[in-house]
Amino acid sequence: MIKGINRRVIVVKSPDRRFFEEAIFIVRDGIVGQNGVTAEQVVEEARRVADGFGRKRRGSWRKRLPALGYVALGALLATAAWWVGVLL
């Protein structure tokens, strides 16, 4: 909660309201006009970030591998280790 301070905010409505209705961005003081940044660019960046937030991101291969894959991999490694022990 921000009390006693005037802040500029951008409210972006969500096109898909299953999870979020809107996103609220608090804009830095003096950013508009700095290095040629326009108010339209700030609003467009807020929209781009809000749109990208809900998209599914690809994780590493370990996150995509299902639990059964871990079980099978563990069994395979245990079997290989047992055979190496038998052969030596």
PDB file of N, CA and C in Angstrom:
ATOM      1  N   MET A   1       0.843  -1.174   0.000  1.00  0.00           N
ATOM      2  CA  MET A   1       0.000   0.000   0.000  1.00  0.00           C
ATOM      3  C   MET A   1       0.889   1.238   0.000  1.00  0.00           C
ATOM      4  N   ILE A   2       0.568   2.183  -0.833  1.00  0.00           N
ATOM      5  CA  ILE A   2       1.314   3.435  -0.919  1.00  0.00           C
ATOM      6  C   ILE A   2       0.442   4.520  -0.308  1.00  0.00           C
ATOM      7  N   LYS A   3       0.974   5.171   0.751  1.00  0.00           N
ATOM      8  CA  LYS A   3       0.199   6.211   1.416  1.00  0.00           C
ATOM      9  C   LYS A   3       0.946   7.535   1.331  1.00  0.00           C
ATOM     10  N   GLY A   4       0.233   8.595   1.072  1.00  0.00           N
ATOM     11  CA  GLY A   4       0.796   9.924   1.136  1.00  0.00           C
ATOM     12  C   GLY A   4       1.745  10.268   0.004  1.00  0.00           C
ATOM     13  N   ILE A   5       1.788   9.455  -1.026  1.00  0.00           N
ATOM     14  CA  ILE A   5       2.687   9.718  -2.145  1.00  0.00           C
ATOM     15  C   ILE A   5       1.876   9.676  -3.429  1.00  0.00           C
ATOM     16  N   ASN A   6       2.069  10.674  -4.257  1.00  0.00           N
ATOM     17  CA  ASN A   6       1.405  10.672  -5.560  1.00  0.00           C
ATOM     18  C   ASN A   6       2.250   9.848  -6.515  1.00  0.00           C
ATOM     19  N   ARG A   7       1.642   8.871  -7.158  1.00  0.00           N
ATOM     20  CA  ARG A   7       2.329   8.012  -8.115  1.00  0.00           C
ATOM     21  C   ARG A   7       1.536   7.971  -9.407  1.00  0.00           C
ATOM     22  N   ARG A   8       2.239   7.780 -10.503  1.00  0.00           N
ATOM     23  CA  ARG A   8       1.586   7.561 -11.791  1.00  0.00           C
ATOM     24  C   ARG A   8       1.481   6.067 -11.993  1.00  0.00           C
ATOM     25  N   VAL A   9       0.316   5.621 -12.389  1.00  0.00           N
ATOM     26  CA  VAL A   9       0.100   4.194 -12.601  1.00  0.00           C
ATOM     27  C   VAL A   9      -0.487   3.968 -13.984  1.00  0.00           C
ATOM     28  N   ILE A  10      -0.247   2.756 -14.481  1.00  0.00           N
ATOM     29  CA  ILE A  10      -0.856   2.300 -15.721  1.00  0.00           C
ATOM     30  C   ILE A  10      -1.643   1.052 -15.383  1.00  0.00           C
ATOM     31  N   VAL A  11      -2.906   1.031 -15.754  1.00  0.00           N
ATOM     32  CA  VAL A  11      -3.766  -0.124 -15.526  1.00  0.00           C
ATOM     33  C   VAL A  11      -4.036  -0.768 -16.878  1.00  0.00           C
ATOM     34  N   VAL A  12      -3.637  -2.042 -17.006  1.00  0.00           N
ATOM     35  CA  VAL A  12      -3.819  -2.770 -18.254  1.00  0.00           C
ATOM     36  C   VAL A  12      -4.889  -3.827 -18.031  1.00  0.00           C
ATOM     37  N   LYS A  13      -5.965  -3.755 -18.787  1.00  0.00           N
ATOM     38  CA  LYS A  13      -7.038  -4.751 -18.704  1.00  0.00           C
ATOM     39  C   LYS A  13      -6.597  -6.029 -19.398  1.00  0.00           C
ATOM     40  N   SER A  14      -6.936  -7.167 -18.829  1.00  0.00           N
ATOM     41  CA  SER A  14      -6.552  -8.449 -19.394  1.00  0.00           C
ATOM     42  C   SER A  14      -7.533  -8.864 -20.479  1.00  0.00           C
ATOM     43  N   PRO A  15      -7.009  -9.301 -21.643  1.00  0.00           N
ATOM     44  CA  PRO A  15      -7.922  -9.784 -22.683  1.00  0.00           C
ATOM     45  C   PRO A  15      -8.552 -11.129 -22.314  1.00  0.00           C
ATOM     46  N   ASP A  16      -7.856 -11.928 -21.539  1.00  0.00           N
ATOM     47  CA  ASP A  16      -8.366 -13.225 -21.092  1.00  0.00           C
ATOM     48  C   ASP A  16      -8.546 -13.140 -19.585  1.00  0.00           C
ATOM     49  N   ARG A  17      -9.776 -13.047 -19.125  1.00  0.00           N
ATOM     50  CA  ARG A  17     -10.050 -12.782 -17.707  1.00  0.00           C
ATOM     51  C   ARG A  17     -10.260 -14.036 -16.870  1.00  0.00           C
ATOM     52  N   ARG A  18      -9.740 -15.171 -17.324  1.00  0.00           N
ATOM     53  CA  ARG A  18      -9.889 -16.389 -16.529  1.00  0.00           C
ATOM     54  C   ARG A  18      -9.140 -16.283 -15.213  1.00  0.00           C
ATOM     55  N   PHE A  19      -7.965 -15.643 -15.233  1.00  0.00           N
ATOM     56  CA  PHE A  19      -7.132 -15.580 -14.037  1.00  0.00           C
ATOM     57  C   PHE A  19      -6.970 -14.166 -13.494  1.00  0.00           C
ATOM     58  N   PHE A  20      -6.812 -13.182 -14.385  1.00  0.00           N
ATOM     59  CA  PHE A  20      -6.559 -11.807 -13.958  1.00  0.00           C
ATOM     60  C   PHE A  20      -7.524 -10.863 -14.649  1.00  0.00           C
ATOM     61  N   GLU A  21      -7.981  -9.862 -13.910  1.00  0.00           N
ATOM     62  CA  GLU A  21      -8.823  -8.836 -14.513  1.00  0.00           C
ATOM     63  C   GLU A  21      -7.976  -7.711 -15.080  1.00  0.00           C
ATOM     64  N   GLU A  22      -6.967  -7.301 -14.313  1.00  0.00           N
ATOM     65  CA  GLU A  22      -6.125  -6.203 -14.759  1.00  0.00           C
ATOM     66  C   GLU A  22      -4.772  -6.255 -14.064  1.00  0.00           C
ATOM     67  N   ALA A  23      -3.809  -5.583 -14.676  1.00  0.00           N
ATOM     68  CA  ALA A  23      -2.469  -5.469 -14.096  1.00  0.00           C
ATOM     69  C   ALA A  23      -2.209  -3.993 -13.827  1.00  0.00           C
ATOM     70  N   ILE A  24      -1.599  -3.706 -12.707  1.00  0.00           N
ATOM     71  CA  ILE A  24      -1.324  -2.324 -12.320  1.00  0.00           C
ATOM     72  C   ILE A  24       0.188  -2.132 -12.276  1.00  0.00           C
ATOM     73  N   PHE A  25       0.681  -1.166 -13.047  1.00  0.00           N
ATOM     74  CA  PHE A  25       2.105  -0.847 -13.089  1.00  0.00           C
ATOM     75  C   PHE A  25       2.323   0.526 -12.477  1.00  0.00           C
ATOM     76  N   ILE A  26       3.285   0.632 -11.583  1.00  0.00           N
ATOM     77  CA  ILE A  26       3.654   1.924 -11.005  1.00  0.00           C
ATOM     78  C   ILE A  26       4.838   2.450 -11.809  1.00  0.00           C
ATOM     79  N   VAL A  27       4.661   3.623 -12.418  1.00  0.00           N
ATOM     80  CA  VAL A  27       5.654   4.195 -13.317  1.00  0.00           C
ATOM     81  C   VAL A  27       6.667   5.012 -12.518  1.00  0.00           C
ATOM     82  N   ARG A  28       7.940   4.851 -12.874  1.00  0.00           N
ATOM     83  CA  ARG A  28       8.997   5.626 -12.220  1.00  0.00           C
ATOM     84  C   ARG A  28       8.805   7.116 -12.485  1.00  0.00           C
ATOM     85  N   ASP A  29       9.170   7.923 -11.498  1.00  0.00           N
ATOM     86  CA  ASP A  29       9.102   9.370 -11.664  1.00  0.00           C
ATOM     87  C   ASP A  29      10.104   9.820 -12.721  1.00  0.00           C
ATOM     88  N   GLY A  30       9.673  10.647 -13.635  1.00  0.00           N
ATOM     89  CA  GLY A  30      10.553  11.241 -14.622  1.00  0.00           C
ATOM     90  C   GLY A  30      10.956  10.343 -15.768  1.00  0.00           C
ATOM     91  N   ILE A  31      10.383   9.159 -15.900  1.00  0.00           N
ATOM     92  CA  ILE A  31      10.786   8.251 -16.976  1.00  0.00           C
ATOM     93  C   ILE A  31      10.298   8.748 -18.327  1.00  0.00           C
ATOM     94  N   VAL A  32       9.122   9.375 -18.357  1.00  0.00           N
ATOM     95  CA  VAL A  32       8.600   9.909 -19.615  1.00  0.00           C
ATOM     96  C   VAL A  32       9.407  11.160 -19.955  1.00  0.00           C
ATOM     97  N   GLY A  33       9.955  11.159 -21.158  1.00  0.00           N
ATOM     98  CA  GLY A  33      10.777  12.277 -21.588  1.00  0.00           C
ATOM     99  C   GLY A  33      12.265  12.014 -21.424  1.00  0.00           C
ATOM    100  N   GLN A  34      12.606  11.057 -20.578  1.00  0.00           N
ATOM    101  CA  GLN A  34      14.012  10.714 -20.363  1.00  0.00           C
ATOM    102  C   GLN A  34      14.488   9.837 -21.520  1.00  0.00           C
ATOM    103  N   ASN A  35      15.581  10.203 -22.148  1.00  0.00           N
ATOM    104  CA  ASN A  35      16.158   9.468 -23.283  1.00  0.00           C
ATOM    105  C   ASN A  35      15.157   9.288 -24.420  1.00  0.00           C
ATOM    106  N   GLY A  36      14.258  10.237 -24.591  1.00  0.00           N
ATOM    107  CA  GLY A  36      13.308  10.178 -25.703  1.00  0.00           C
ATOM    108  C   GLY A  36      12.154   9.210 -25.501  1.00  0.00           C
ATOM    109  N   VAL A  37      11.915   8.760 -24.271  1.00  0.00           N
ATOM    110  CA  VAL A  37      10.821   7.824 -23.990  1.00  0.00           C
ATOM    111  C   VAL A  37       9.504   8.594 -23.966  1.00  0.00           C
ATOM    112  N   THR A  38       8.544   8.095 -24.735  1.00  0.00           N
ATOM    113  CA  THR A  38       7.231   8.744 -24.774  1.00  0.00           C
ATOM    114  C   THR A  38       6.248   7.992 -23.878  1.00  0.00           C
ATOM    115  N   ALA A  39       5.148   8.638 -23.569  1.00  0.00           N
ATOM    116  CA  ALA A  39       4.107   8.006 -22.748  1.00  0.00           C
ATOM    117  C   ALA A  39       3.529   6.789 -23.472  1.00  0.00           C
ATOM    118  N   GLU A  40       3.419   6.864 -24.797  1.00  0.00           N
ATOM    119  CA  GLU A  40       2.898   5.737 -25.567  1.00  0.00           C
ATOM    120  C   GLU A  40       3.818   4.525 -25.462  1.00  0.00           C
ATOM    121  N   GLN A  41       5.133   4.762 -25.458  1.00  0.00           N
ATOM    122  CA  GLN A  41       6.085   3.657 -25.326  1.00  0.00           C
ATOM    123  C   GLN A  41       5.962   2.989 -23.961  1.00  0.00           C
ATOM    124  N   VAL A  42       5.756   3.780 -22.926  1.00  0.00           N
ATOM    125  CA  VAL A  42       5.604   3.227 -21.573  1.00  0.00           C
ATOM    126  C   VAL A  42       4.343   2.372 -21.497  1.00  0.00           C
ATOM    127  N   VAL A  43       3.247   2.867 -22.057  1.00  0.00           N
ATOM    128  CA  VAL A  43       1.988   2.117 -22.047  1.00  0.00           C
ATOM    129  C   VAL A  43       2.140   0.831 -22.860  1.00  0.00           C
ATOM    130  N   GLU A  44       2.787   0.915 -24.016  1.00  0.00           N
ATOM    131  CA  GLU A  44       2.973  -0.274 -24.859  1.00  0.00           C
ATOM    132  C   GLU A  44       3.848  -1.317 -24.161  1.00  0.00           C
ATOM    133  N   GLU A  45       4.869  -0.889 -23.449  1.00  0.00           N
ATOM    134  CA  GLU A  45       5.713  -1.827 -22.693  1.00  0.00           C
ATOM    135  C   GLU A  45       4.909  -2.497 -21.581  1.00  0.00           C
ATOM    136  N   ALA A  46       4.055  -1.748 -20.910  1.00  0.00           N
ATOM    137  CA  ALA A  46       3.208  -2.325 -19.873  1.00  0.00           C
ATOM    138  C   ALA A  46       2.268  -3.373 -20.463  1.00  0.00           C
ATOM    139  N   ARG A  47       1.705  -3.090 -21.630  1.00  0.00           N
ATOM    140  CA  ARG A  47       0.832  -4.069 -22.291  1.00  0.00           C
ATOM    141  C   ARG A  47       1.601  -5.320 -22.692  1.00  0.00           C
ATOM    142  N   ARG A  48       2.817  -5.129 -23.215  1.00  0.00           N
ATOM    143  CA  ARG A  48       3.637  -6.267 -23.649  1.00  0.00           C
ATOM    144  C   ARG A  48       3.983  -7.164 -22.461  1.00  0.00           C
ATOM    145  N   VAL A  49       4.352  -6.564 -21.345  1.00  0.00           N
ATOM    146  CA  VAL A  49       4.693  -7.342 -20.148  1.00  0.00           C
ATOM    147  C   VAL A  49       3.466  -8.070 -19.611  1.00  0.00           C
ATOM    148  N   ALA A  50       2.328  -7.388 -19.572  1.00  0.00           N
ATOM    149  CA  ALA A  50       1.101  -8.017 -19.070  1.00  0.00           C
ATOM    150  C   ALA A  50       0.664  -9.162 -19.969  1.00  0.00           C
ATOM    151  N   ASP A  51       0.788  -9.002 -21.283  1.00  0.00           N
ATOM    152  CA  ASP A  51       0.406 -10.072 -22.207  1.00  0.00           C
ATOM    153  C   ASP A  51       1.327 -11.270 -22.083  1.00  0.00           C
ATOM    154  N   GLY A  52       2.612 -11.031 -21.892  1.00  0.00           N
ATOM    155  CA  GLY A  52       3.582 -12.121 -21.792  1.00  0.00           C
ATOM    156  C   GLY A  52       3.568 -12.831 -20.458  1.00  0.00           C
ATOM    157  N   PHE A  53       2.982 -12.212 -19.429  1.00  0.00           N
ATOM    158  CA  PHE A  53       3.010 -12.811 -18.102  1.00  0.00           C
ATOM    159  C   PHE A  53       2.219 -14.104 -18.035  1.00  0.00           C
ATOM    160  N   GLY A  54       1.084 -14.161 -18.687  1.00  0.00           N
ATOM    161  CA  GLY A  54       0.225 -15.333 -18.608  1.00  0.00           C
ATOM    162  C   GLY A  54       0.620 -16.474 -19.520  1.00  0.00           C
ATOM    163  N   ARG A  55       1.536 -16.236 -20.440  1.00  0.00           N
ATOM    164  CA  ARG A  55       1.925 -17.294 -21.369  1.00  0.00           C
ATOM    165  C   ARG A  55       2.758 -18.345 -20.669  1.00  0.00           C
ATOM    166  N   LYS A  56       2.598 -19.557 -21.124  1.00  0.00           N
ATOM    167  CA  LYS A  56       3.344 -20.664 -20.540  1.00  0.00           C
ATOM    168  C   LYS A  56       4.794 -20.593 -20.998  1.00  0.00           C
ATOM    169  N   ARG A  57       5.689 -20.675 -20.044  1.00  0.00           N
ATOM    170  CA  ARG A  57       7.105 -20.653 -20.363  1.00  0.00           C
ATOM    171  C   ARG A  57       7.654 -22.065 -20.351  1.00  0.00           C
ATOM    172  N   ARG A  58       8.562 -22.327 -21.254  1.00  0.00           N
ATOM    173  CA  ARG A  58       9.172 -23.653 -21.315  1.00  0.00           C
ATOM    174  C   ARG A  58      10.248 -23.757 -20.244  1.00  0.00           C
ATOM    175  N   GLY A  59      10.184 -24.826 -19.494  1.00  0.00           N
ATOM    176  CA  GLY A  59      11.183 -25.069 -18.471  1.00  0.00           C
ATOM    177  C   GLY A  59      12.307 -25.922 -18.998  1.00  0.00           C
ATOM    178  N   SER A  60      13.153 -26.322 -18.121  1.00  0.00           N
ATOM    179  CA  SER A  60      14.245 -27.188 -18.530  1.00  0.00           C
ATOM    180  C   SER A  60      13.701 -28.595 -18.774  1.00  0.00           C
ATOM    181  N   TRP A  61      14.534 -29.460 -19.334  1.00  0.00           N
ATOM    182  CA  TRP A  61      14.070 -30.809 -19.662  1.00  0.00           C
ATOM    183  C   TRP A  61      13.697 -31.571 -18.400  1.00  0.00           C
ATOM    184  N   ARG A  62      14.297 -31.257 -17.261  1.00  0.00           N
ATOM    185  CA  ARG A  62      13.960 -31.957 -16.026  1.00  0.00           C
ATOM    186  C   ARG A  62      12.546 -31.647 -15.559  1.00  0.00           C
ATOM    187  N   LYS A  63      12.076 -30.451 -15.825  1.00  0.00           N
ATOM    188  CA  LYS A  63      10.710 -30.084 -15.436  1.00  0.00           C
ATOM    189  C   LYS A  63       9.680 -30.701 -16.362  1.00  0.00           C
ATOM    190  N   ARG A  64      10.057 -30.960 -17.605  1.00  0.00           N
ATOM    191  CA  ARG A  64       9.116 -31.530 -18.565  1.00  0.00           C
ATOM    192  C   ARG A  64       9.045 -33.042 -18.488  1.00  0.00           C
ATOM    193  N   LEU A  65      10.049 -33.670 -17.901  1.00  0.00           N
ATOM    194  CA  LEU A  65      10.074 -35.127 -17.812  1.00  0.00           C
ATOM    195  C   LEU A  65       9.081 -35.586 -16.745  1.00  0.00           C
ATOM    196  N   PRO A  66       8.131 -36.435 -17.096  1.00  0.00           N
ATOM    197  CA  PRO A  66       7.137 -36.851 -16.108  1.00  0.00           C
ATOM    198  C   PRO A  66       7.759 -37.764 -15.046  1.00  0.00           C
ATOM    199  N   ALA A  67       7.024 -37.967 -13.980  1.00  0.00           N
ATOM    200  CA  ALA A  67       7.516 -38.768 -12.856  1.00  0.00           C
ATOM    201  C   ALA A  67       7.847 -40.194 -13.279  1.00  0.00           C
ATOM    202  N   LEU A  68       7.058 -40.767 -14.172  1.00  0.00           N
ATOM    203  CA  LEU A  68       7.360 -42.125 -14.634  1.00  0.00           C
ATOM    204  C   LEU A  68       8.700 -42.188 -15.351  1.00  0.00           C
ATOM    205  N   GLY A  69       9.067 -41.123 -16.010  1.00  0.00           N
ATOM    206  CA  GLY A  69      10.369 -41.069 -16.660  1.00  0.00           C
ATOM    207  C   GLY A  69      11.498 -41.149 -15.645  1.00  0.00           C
ATOM    208  N   TYR A  70      11.326 -40.469 -14.508  1.00  0.00           N
ATOM    209  CA  TYR A  70      12.329 -40.545 -13.448  1.00  0.00           C
ATOM    210  C   TYR A  70      12.429 -41.963 -12.887  1.00  0.00           C
ATOM    211  N   VAL A  71      11.295 -42.616 -12.718  1.00  0.00           N
ATOM    212  CA  VAL A  71      11.291 -43.989 -12.205  1.00  0.00           C
ATOM    213  C   VAL A  71      12.012 -44.906 -13.184  1.00  0.00           C
ATOM    214  N   ALA A  72      11.695 -44.794 -14.463  1.00  0.00           N
ATOM    215  CA  ALA A  72      12.334 -45.638 -15.475  1.00  0.00           C
ATOM    216  C   ALA A  72      13.829 -45.361 -15.556  1.00  0.00           C
ATOM    217  N   LEU A  73      14.215 -44.114 -15.488  1.00  0.00           N
ATOM    218  CA  LEU A  73      15.633 -43.764 -15.538  1.00  0.00           C
ATOM    219  C   LEU A  73      16.369 -44.306 -14.318  1.00  0.00           C
ATOM    220  N   GLY A  74      15.765 -44.214 -13.158  1.00  0.00           N
ATOM    221  CA  GLY A  74      16.378 -44.755 -11.938  1.00  0.00           C
ATOM    222  C   GLY A  74      16.533 -46.261 -12.009  1.00  0.00           C
ATOM    223  N   ALA A  75      15.515 -46.942 -12.511  1.00  0.00           N
ATOM    224  CA  ALA A  75      15.598 -48.406 -12.637  1.00  0.00           C
ATOM    225  C   ALA A  75      16.681 -48.795 -13.636  1.00  0.00           C
ATOM    226  N   LEU A  76      16.785 -48.069 -14.728  1.00  0.00           N
ATOM    227  CA  LEU A  76      17.810 -48.344 -15.728  1.00  0.00           C
ATOM    228  C   LEU A  76      19.217 -48.144 -15.155  1.00  0.00           C
ATOM    229  N   LEU A  77      19.406 -47.056 -14.425  1.00  0.00           N
ATOM    230  CA  LEU A  77      20.713 -46.794 -13.825  1.00  0.00           C
ATOM    231  C   LEU A  77      21.060 -47.828 -12.747  1.00  0.00           C
ATOM    232  N   ALA A  78      20.074 -48.230 -11.951  1.00  0.00           N
ATOM    233  CA  ALA A  78      20.331 -49.241 -10.919  1.00  0.00           C
ATOM    234  C   ALA A  78      20.692 -50.577 -11.550  1.00  0.00           C
ATOM    235  N   THR A  79      20.008 -50.940 -12.630  1.00  0.00           N
ATOM    236  CA  THR A  79      20.310 -52.185 -13.331  1.00  0.00           C
ATOM    237  C   THR A  79      21.705 -52.138 -13.935  1.00  0.00           C
ATOM    238  N   ALA A  80      22.060 -51.019 -14.537  1.00  0.00           N
ATOM    239  CA  ALA A  80      23.392 -50.869 -15.130  1.00  0.00           C
ATOM    240  C   ALA A  80      24.467 -50.961 -14.050  1.00  0.00           C
ATOM    241  N   ALA A  81      24.239 -50.332 -12.913  1.00  0.00           N
ATOM    242  CA  ALA A  81      25.218 -50.392 -11.820  1.00  0.00           C
ATOM    243  C   ALA A  81      25.342 -51.816 -11.290  1.00  0.00           C
ATOM    244  N   TRP A  82      24.254 -52.550 -11.205  1.00  0.00           N
ATOM    245  CA  TRP A  82      24.298 -53.938 -10.733  1.00  0.00           C
ATOM    246  C   TRP A  82      25.097 -54.797 -11.700  1.00  0.00           C
ATOM    247  N   TRP A  83      24.874 -54.631 -13.024  1.00  0.00           N
ATOM    248  CA  TRP A  83      25.603 -55.413 -14.015  1.00  0.00           C
ATOM    249  C   TRP A  83      27.093 -55.089 -14.003  1.00  0.00           C
ATOM    250  N   VAL A  84      27.434 -53.850 -13.790  1.00  0.00           N
ATOM    251  CA  VAL A  84      28.849 -53.468 -13.703  1.00  0.00           C
ATOM    252  C   VAL A  84      29.472 -54.156 -12.478  1.00  0.00           C
ATOM    253  N   GLY A  85      28.736 -54.220 -11.376  1.00  0.00           N
ATOM    254  CA  GLY A  85      29.232 -54.886 -10.165  1.00  0.00           C
ATOM    255  C   GLY A  85      29.388 -56.402 -10.376  1.00  0.00           C
ATOM    256  N   VAL A  86      28.491 -56.998 -11.122  1.00  0.00           N
ATOM    257  CA  VAL A  86      28.566 -58.441 -11.384  1.00  0.00           C
ATOM    258  C   VAL A  86      29.748 -58.758 -12.297  1.00  0.00           C
ATOM    259  N   LEU A  87      29.974 -57.945 -13.286  1.00  0.00           N
ATOM    260  CA  LEU A  87      31.033 -58.193 -14.255  1.00  0.00           C
ATOM    261  C   LEU A  87      32.431 -57.960 -13.675  1.00  0.00           C
ATOM    262  N   LEU A  88      32.525 -57.107 -12.689  1.00  0.00           N
ATOM    263  CA  LEU A  88      33.844 -56.840 -12.091  1.00  0.00           C
ATOM    264  C   LEU A  88      34.073 -57.834 -11.011  1.00  0.00           C
TER     265      LEU A  88
END
